[in-house]
Amino acid sequence: MTQTVTASYDDTLKARNAFNELVSDGFPRESLFLDEESREVKVIIGDEIRREVEEVLNRHEPAKVWSRPYEGG
């Protein structure tokens, strides 16, 4: 199942750094979204790599990380 994993940060730099690390780690750019205004990083991924994505996001000290089923098309 495809999931949207979202991390919110209290600092724009932390969000930017998390996004850049995901890009550097080779996650497809088209599945990564950085919203600097709300300081959130969203990643659309399959269940099999969810834990890896959450580890990267957590390294940058998010205020909160959550996931839900992907509702896009």
PDB file of N, CA and C in Angstrom:
ATOM      1  N   MET A   1       0.840  -1.175   0.000  1.00  0.00           N
ATOM      2  CA  MET A   1       0.000   0.000   0.000  1.00  0.00           C
ATOM      3  C   MET A   1       0.889   1.244   0.000  1.00  0.00           C
ATOM      4  N   THR A   2       0.472   2.229  -0.728  1.00  0.00           N
ATOM      5  CA  THR A   2       1.214   3.483  -0.791  1.00  0.00           C
ATOM      6  C   THR A   2       0.799   4.375   0.368  1.00  0.00           C
ATOM      7  N   GLN A   3       1.804   4.980   0.996  1.00  0.00           N
ATOM      8  CA  GLN A   3       1.596   5.838   2.164  1.00  0.00           C
ATOM      9  C   GLN A   3       2.133   7.246   1.889  1.00  0.00           C
ATOM     10  N   THR A   4       1.553   8.210   2.570  1.00  0.00           N
ATOM     11  CA  THR A   4       2.129   9.553   2.632  1.00  0.00           C
ATOM     12  C   THR A   4       2.668   9.722   4.038  1.00  0.00           C
ATOM     13  N   VAL A   5       3.985   9.872   4.143  1.00  0.00           N
ATOM     14  CA  VAL A   5       4.625  10.114   5.437  1.00  0.00           C
ATOM     15  C   VAL A   5       4.920  11.605   5.504  1.00  0.00           C
ATOM     16  N   THR A   6       4.480  12.237   6.577  1.00  0.00           N
ATOM     17  CA  THR A   6       4.646  13.676   6.744  1.00  0.00           C
ATOM     18  C   THR A   6       5.404  13.958   8.034  1.00  0.00           C
ATOM     19  N   ALA A   7       6.350  14.879   7.954  1.00  0.00           N
ATOM     20  CA  ALA A   7       7.076  15.329   9.143  1.00  0.00           C
ATOM     21  C   ALA A   7       6.939  16.842   9.220  1.00  0.00           C
ATOM     22  N   SER A   8       6.573  17.336  10.392  1.00  0.00           N
ATOM     23  CA  SER A   8       6.517  18.788  10.590  1.00  0.00           C
ATOM     24  C   SER A   8       7.668  19.187  11.498  1.00  0.00           C
ATOM     25  N   TYR A   9       8.255  20.309  11.184  1.00  0.00           N
ATOM     26  CA  TYR A   9       9.443  20.799  11.902  1.00  0.00           C
ATOM     27  C   TYR A   9       9.168  22.187  12.470  1.00  0.00           C
ATOM     28  N   ASP A  10       9.881  22.512  13.523  1.00  0.00           N
ATOM     29  CA  ASP A  10       9.732  23.842  14.122  1.00  0.00           C
ATOM     30  C   ASP A  10      10.691  24.851  13.496  1.00  0.00           C
ATOM     31  N   ASP A  11      11.439  24.406  12.495  1.00  0.00           N
ATOM     32  CA  ASP A  11      12.444  25.248  11.871  1.00  0.00           C
ATOM     33  C   ASP A  11      12.523  24.907  10.379  1.00  0.00           C
ATOM     34  N   THR A  12      12.503  25.909   9.535  1.00  0.00           N
ATOM     35  CA  THR A  12      12.556  25.686   8.091  1.00  0.00           C
ATOM     36  C   THR A  12      13.845  24.995   7.680  1.00  0.00           C
ATOM     37  N   LEU A  13      14.952  25.320   8.325  1.00  0.00           N
ATOM     38  CA  LEU A  13      16.238  24.710   7.979  1.00  0.00           C
ATOM     39  C   LEU A  13      16.219  23.201   8.229  1.00  0.00           C
ATOM     40  N   LYS A  14      15.609  22.765   9.309  1.00  0.00           N
ATOM     41  CA  LYS A  14      15.503  21.331   9.585  1.00  0.00           C
ATOM     42  C   LYS A  14      14.696  20.631   8.490  1.00  0.00           C
ATOM     43  N   ALA A  15      13.601  21.236   8.083  1.00  0.00           N
ATOM     44  CA  ALA A  15      12.777  20.657   7.021  1.00  0.00           C
ATOM     45  C   ALA A  15      13.567  20.577   5.717  1.00  0.00           C
ATOM     46  N   ARG A  16      14.269  21.644   5.391  1.00  0.00           N
ATOM     47  CA  ARG A  16      15.079  21.679   4.179  1.00  0.00           C
ATOM     48  C   ARG A  16      16.174  20.611   4.215  1.00  0.00           C
ATOM     49  N   ASN A  17      16.825  20.470   5.370  1.00  0.00           N
ATOM     50  CA  ASN A  17      17.882  19.470   5.506  1.00  0.00           C
ATOM     51  C   ASN A  17      17.345  18.047   5.368  1.00  0.00           C
ATOM     52  N   ALA A  18      16.186  17.783   5.942  1.00  0.00           N
ATOM     53  CA  ALA A  18      15.571  16.454   5.814  1.00  0.00           C
ATOM     54  C   ALA A  18      15.249  16.175   4.349  1.00  0.00           C
ATOM     55  N   PHE A  19      14.663  17.145   3.663  1.00  0.00           N
ATOM     56  CA  PHE A  19      14.342  17.001   2.245  1.00  0.00           C
ATOM     57  C   PHE A  19      15.606  16.720   1.438  1.00  0.00           C
ATOM     58  N   ASN A  20      16.652  17.500   1.675  1.00  0.00           N
ATOM     59  CA  ASN A  20      17.909  17.332   0.936  1.00  0.00           C
ATOM     60  C   ASN A  20      18.549  15.975   1.198  1.00  0.00           C
ATOM     61  N   GLU A  21      18.450  15.474   2.424  1.00  0.00           N
ATOM     62  CA  GLU A  21      19.007  14.154   2.722  1.00  0.00           C
ATOM     63  C   GLU A  21      18.238  13.071   1.961  1.00  0.00           C
ATOM     64  N   LEU A  22      16.927  13.185   1.895  1.00  0.00           N
ATOM     65  CA  LEU A  22      16.136  12.213   1.131  1.00  0.00           C
ATOM     66  C   LEU A  22      16.533  12.232  -0.347  1.00  0.00           C
ATOM     67  N   VAL A  23      16.739  13.419  -0.907  1.00  0.00           N
ATOM     68  CA  VAL A  23      17.179  13.544  -2.298  1.00  0.00           C
ATOM     69  C   VAL A  23      18.557  12.893  -2.454  1.00  0.00           C
ATOM     70  N   SER A  24      19.479  13.186  -1.544  1.00  0.00           N
ATOM     71  CA  SER A  24      20.824  12.629  -1.606  1.00  0.00           C
ATOM     72  C   SER A  24      20.832  11.113  -1.478  1.00  0.00           C
ATOM     73  N   ASP A  25      19.878  10.582  -0.706  1.00  0.00           N
ATOM     74  CA  ASP A  25      19.782   9.135  -0.518  1.00  0.00           C
ATOM     75  C   ASP A  25      19.150   8.429  -1.709  1.00  0.00           C
ATOM     76  N   GLY A  26      18.718   9.194  -2.707  1.00  0.00           N
ATOM     77  CA  GLY A  26      18.213   8.598  -3.934  1.00  0.00           C
ATOM     78  C   GLY A  26      16.714   8.379  -4.011  1.00  0.00           C
ATOM     79  N   PHE A  27      15.974   8.932  -3.077  1.00  0.00           N
ATOM     80  CA  PHE A  27      14.521   8.818  -3.174  1.00  0.00           C
ATOM     81  C   PHE A  27      14.055   9.657  -4.366  1.00  0.00           C
ATOM     82  N   PRO A  28      13.081   9.171  -5.122  1.00  0.00           N
ATOM     83  CA  PRO A  28      12.635   9.899  -6.323  1.00  0.00           C
ATOM     84  C   PRO A  28      12.087  11.279  -5.975  1.00  0.00           C
ATOM     85  N   ARG A  29      12.606  12.274  -6.645  1.00  0.00           N
ATOM     86  CA  ARG A  29      12.192  13.653  -6.379  1.00  0.00           C
ATOM     87  C   ARG A  29      10.699  13.863  -6.553  1.00  0.00           C
ATOM     88  N   GLU A  30      10.100  13.140  -7.492  1.00  0.00           N
ATOM     89  CA  GLU A  30       8.665  13.321  -7.746  1.00  0.00           C
ATOM     90  C   GLU A  30       7.798  12.813  -6.598  1.00  0.00           C
ATOM     91  N   SER A  31       8.401  12.081  -5.647  1.00  0.00           N
ATOM     92  CA  SER A  31       7.627  11.596  -4.490  1.00  0.00           C
ATOM     93  C   SER A  31       7.940  12.394  -3.221  1.00  0.00           C
ATOM     94  N   LEU A  32       8.744  13.447  -3.353  1.00  0.00           N
ATOM     95  CA  LEU A  32       9.154  14.276  -2.209  1.00  0.00           C
ATOM     96  C   LEU A  32       8.572  15.680  -2.354  1.00  0.00           C
ATOM     97  N   PHE A  33       8.073  16.205  -1.256  1.00  0.00           N
ATOM     98  CA  PHE A  33       7.486  17.550  -1.271  1.00  0.00           C
ATOM     99  C   PHE A  33       7.938  18.322  -0.035  1.00  0.00           C
ATOM    100  N   LEU A  34       8.412  19.524  -0.255  1.00  0.00           N
ATOM    101  CA  LEU A  34       8.837  20.402   0.829  1.00  0.00           C
ATOM    102  C   LEU A  34       7.947  21.631   0.819  1.00  0.00           C
ATOM    103  N   ASP A  35       7.258  21.862   1.917  1.00  0.00           N
ATOM    104  CA  ASP A  35       6.430  23.049   2.081  1.00  0.00           C
ATOM    105  C   ASP A  35       7.121  23.920   3.130  1.00  0.00           C
ATOM    106  N   GLU A  36       7.862  24.913   2.669  1.00  0.00           N
ATOM    107  CA  GLU A  36       8.630  25.750   3.587  1.00  0.00           C
ATOM    108  C   GLU A  36       7.733  26.622   4.451  1.00  0.00           C
ATOM    109  N   GLU A  37       6.579  27.010   3.941  1.00  0.00           N
ATOM    110  CA  GLU A  37       5.669  27.856   4.716  1.00  0.00           C
ATOM    111  C   GLU A  37       5.155  27.119   5.959  1.00  0.00           C
ATOM    112  N   SER A  38       4.752  25.864   5.787  1.00  0.00           N
ATOM    113  CA  SER A  38       4.255  25.091   6.938  1.00  0.00           C
ATOM    114  C   SER A  38       5.365  24.248   7.580  1.00  0.00           C
ATOM    115  N   ARG A  39       6.561  24.306   7.014  1.00  0.00           N
ATOM    116  CA  ARG A  39       7.741  23.569   7.511  1.00  0.00           C
ATOM    117  C   ARG A  39       7.453  22.059   7.570  1.00  0.00           C
ATOM    118  N   GLU A  40       6.910  21.528   6.466  1.00  0.00           N
ATOM    119  CA  GLU A  40       6.593  20.106   6.389  1.00  0.00           C
ATOM    120  C   GLU A  40       7.290  19.458   5.198  1.00  0.00           C
ATOM    121  N   VAL A  41       7.680  18.207   5.416  1.00  0.00           N
ATOM    122  CA  VAL A  41       8.209  17.370   4.349  1.00  0.00           C
ATOM    123  C   VAL A  41       7.236  16.214   4.200  1.00  0.00           C
ATOM    124  N   LYS A  42       6.788  15.970   2.968  1.00  0.00           N
ATOM    125  CA  LYS A  42       5.881  14.857   2.690  1.00  0.00           C
ATOM    126  C   LYS A  42       6.560  13.925   1.700  1.00  0.00           C
ATOM    127  N   VAL A  43       6.416  12.632   1.952  1.00  0.00           N
ATOM    128  CA  VAL A  43       7.024  11.625   1.099  1.00  0.00           C
ATOM    129  C   VAL A  43       5.960  10.583   0.765  1.00  0.00           C
ATOM    130  N   ILE A  44       5.773  10.338  -0.515  1.00  0.00           N
ATOM    131  CA  ILE A  44       4.826   9.318  -0.957  1.00  0.00           C
ATOM    132  C   ILE A  44       5.636   8.072  -1.306  1.00  0.00           C
ATOM    133  N   ILE A  45       5.405   7.002  -0.545  1.00  0.00           N
ATOM    134  CA  ILE A  45       6.224   5.799  -0.687  1.00  0.00           C
ATOM    135  C   ILE A  45       5.403   4.539  -0.430  1.00  0.00           C
ATOM    136  N   GLY A  46       5.985   3.415  -0.802  1.00  0.00           N
ATOM    137  CA  GLY A  46       5.388   2.129  -0.490  1.00  0.00           C
ATOM    138  C   GLY A  46       5.742   1.712   0.927  1.00  0.00           C
ATOM    139  N   ASP A  47       4.943   0.816   1.486  1.00  0.00           N
ATOM    140  CA  ASP A  47       5.165   0.346   2.860  1.00  0.00           C
ATOM    141  C   ASP A  47       6.568  -0.212   3.088  1.00  0.00           C
ATOM    142  N   GLU A  48       7.145  -0.816   2.046  1.00  0.00           N
ATOM    143  CA  GLU A  48       8.428  -1.500   2.213  1.00  0.00           C
ATOM    144  C   GLU A  48       9.588  -0.570   2.561  1.00  0.00           C
ATOM    145  N   ILE A  49       9.483   0.711   2.261  1.00  0.00           N
ATOM    146  CA  ILE A  49      10.573   1.632   2.610  1.00  0.00           C
ATOM    147  C   ILE A  49      10.138   2.708   3.602  1.00  0.00           C
ATOM    148  N   ARG A  50       8.966   2.558   4.160  1.00  0.00           N
ATOM    149  CA  ARG A  50       8.449   3.555   5.113  1.00  0.00           C
ATOM    150  C   ARG A  50       9.388   3.752   6.297  1.00  0.00           C
ATOM    151  N   ARG A  51       9.872   2.677   6.878  1.00  0.00           N
ATOM    152  CA  ARG A  51      10.751   2.777   8.047  1.00  0.00           C
ATOM    153  C   ARG A  51      12.026   3.554   7.714  1.00  0.00           C
ATOM    154  N   GLU A  52      12.596   3.302   6.544  1.00  0.00           N
ATOM    155  CA  GLU A  52      13.808   4.003   6.126  1.00  0.00           C
ATOM    156  C   GLU A  52      13.561   5.508   5.992  1.00  0.00           C
ATOM    157  N   VAL A  53      12.437   5.870   5.406  1.00  0.00           N
ATOM    158  CA  VAL A  53      12.074   7.282   5.259  1.00  0.00           C
ATOM    159  C   VAL A  53      11.883   7.931   6.623  1.00  0.00           C
ATOM    160  N   GLU A  54      11.183   7.247   7.525  1.00  0.00           N
ATOM    161  CA  GLU A  54      10.959   7.792   8.865  1.00  0.00           C
ATOM    162  C   GLU A  54      12.263   7.976   9.621  1.00  0.00           C
ATOM    163  N   GLU A  55      13.226   7.082   9.428  1.00  0.00           N
ATOM    164  CA  GLU A  55      14.535   7.242  10.081  1.00  0.00           C
ATOM    165  C   GLU A  55      15.222   8.517   9.618  1.00  0.00           C
ATOM    166  N   VAL A  56      15.181   8.770   8.314  1.00  0.00           N
ATOM    167  CA  VAL A  56      15.802   9.992   7.785  1.00  0.00           C
ATOM    168  C   VAL A  56      15.088  11.220   8.350  1.00  0.00           C
ATOM    169  N   LEU A  57      13.770  11.221   8.308  1.00  0.00           N
ATOM    170  CA  LEU A  57      13.015  12.369   8.811  1.00  0.00           C
ATOM    171  C   LEU A  57      13.286  12.607  10.294  1.00  0.00           C
ATOM    172  N   ASN A  58      13.354  11.542  11.072  1.00  0.00           N
ATOM    173  CA  ASN A  58      13.584  11.667  12.518  1.00  0.00           C
ATOM    174  C   ASN A  58      14.985  12.167  12.867  1.00  0.00           C
ATOM    175  N   ARG A  59      15.946  11.958  11.986  1.00  0.00           N
ATOM    176  CA  ARG A  59      17.309  12.460  12.249  1.00  0.00           C
ATOM    177  C   ARG A  59      17.354  13.979  12.328  1.00  0.00           C
ATOM    178  N   HIS A  60      16.348  14.628  11.783  1.00  0.00           N
ATOM    179  CA  HIS A  60      16.342  16.099  11.727  1.00  0.00           C
ATOM    180  C   HIS A  60      15.404  16.711  12.759  1.00  0.00           C
ATOM    181  N   GLU A  61      15.069  15.941  13.790  1.00  0.00           N
ATOM    182  CA  GLU A  61      14.324  16.402  14.958  1.00  0.00           C
ATOM    183  C   GLU A  61      12.969  17.036  14.620  1.00  0.00           C
ATOM    184  N   PRO A  62      12.074  16.262  14.034  1.00  0.00           N
ATOM    185  CA  PRO A  62      10.751  16.809  13.727  1.00  0.00           C
ATOM    186  C   PRO A  62       9.922  17.007  14.990  1.00  0.00           C
ATOM    187  N   ALA A  63       8.971  17.908  14.913  1.00  0.00           N
ATOM    188  CA  ALA A  63       8.015  18.078  16.004  1.00  0.00           C
ATOM    189  C   ALA A  63       7.052  16.895  16.014  1.00  0.00           C
ATOM    190  N   LYS A  64       6.753  16.380  14.802  1.00  0.00           N
ATOM    191  CA  LYS A  64       5.796  15.278  14.683  1.00  0.00           C
ATOM    192  C   LYS A  64       6.005  14.570  13.342  1.00  0.00           C
ATOM    193  N   VAL A  65       5.819  13.246  13.345  1.00  0.00           N
ATOM    194  CA  VAL A  65       5.845  12.446  12.119  1.00  0.00           C
ATOM    195  C   VAL A  65       4.598  11.580  12.113  1.00  0.00           C
ATOM    196  N   TRP A  66       3.895  11.561  10.977  1.00  0.00           N
ATOM    197  CA  TRP A  66       2.718  10.708  10.878  1.00  0.00           C
ATOM    198  C   TRP A  66       2.599  10.193   9.442  1.00  0.00           C
ATOM    199  N   SER A  67       1.798   9.152   9.290  1.00  0.00           N
ATOM    200  CA  SER A  67       1.565   8.616   7.955  1.00  0.00           C
ATOM    201  C   SER A  67       0.090   8.262   7.803  1.00  0.00           C
ATOM    202  N   ARG A  68      -0.317   8.201   6.552  1.00  0.00           N
ATOM    203  CA  ARG A  68      -1.692   7.823   6.225  1.00  0.00           C
ATOM    204  C   ARG A  68      -1.681   7.248   4.817  1.00  0.00           C
ATOM    205  N   PRO A  69      -2.698   6.506   4.463  1.00  0.00           N
ATOM    206  CA  PRO A  69      -2.763   5.973   3.092  1.00  0.00           C
ATOM    207  C   PRO A  69      -2.785   7.113   2.072  1.00  0.00           C
ATOM    208  N   TYR A  70      -2.074   6.910   0.986  1.00  0.00           N
ATOM    209  CA  TYR A  70      -2.005   7.910  -0.090  1.00  0.00           C
ATOM    210  C   TYR A  70      -3.347   7.991  -0.788  1.00  0.00           C
ATOM    211  N   GLU A  71      -3.856   9.203  -0.971  1.00  0.00           N
ATOM    212  CA  GLU A  71      -5.178   9.399  -1.559  1.00  0.00           C
ATOM    213  C   GLU A  71      -5.112  10.112  -2.904  1.00  0.00           C
ATOM    214  N   GLY A  72      -3.962  10.053  -3.557  1.00  0.00           N
ATOM    215  CA  GLY A  72      -3.816  10.754  -4.843  1.00  0.00           C
ATOM    216  C   GLY A  72      -3.980   9.812  -6.008  1.00  0.00           C
ATOM    217  N   GLY A  73      -3.745  10.347  -7.170  1.00  0.00           N
ATOM    218  CA  GLY A  73      -3.901   9.513  -8.340  1.00  0.00           C
ATOM    219  C   GLY A  73      -2.921   9.804  -9.402  1.00  0.00           C
TER     220      GLY A  73
END
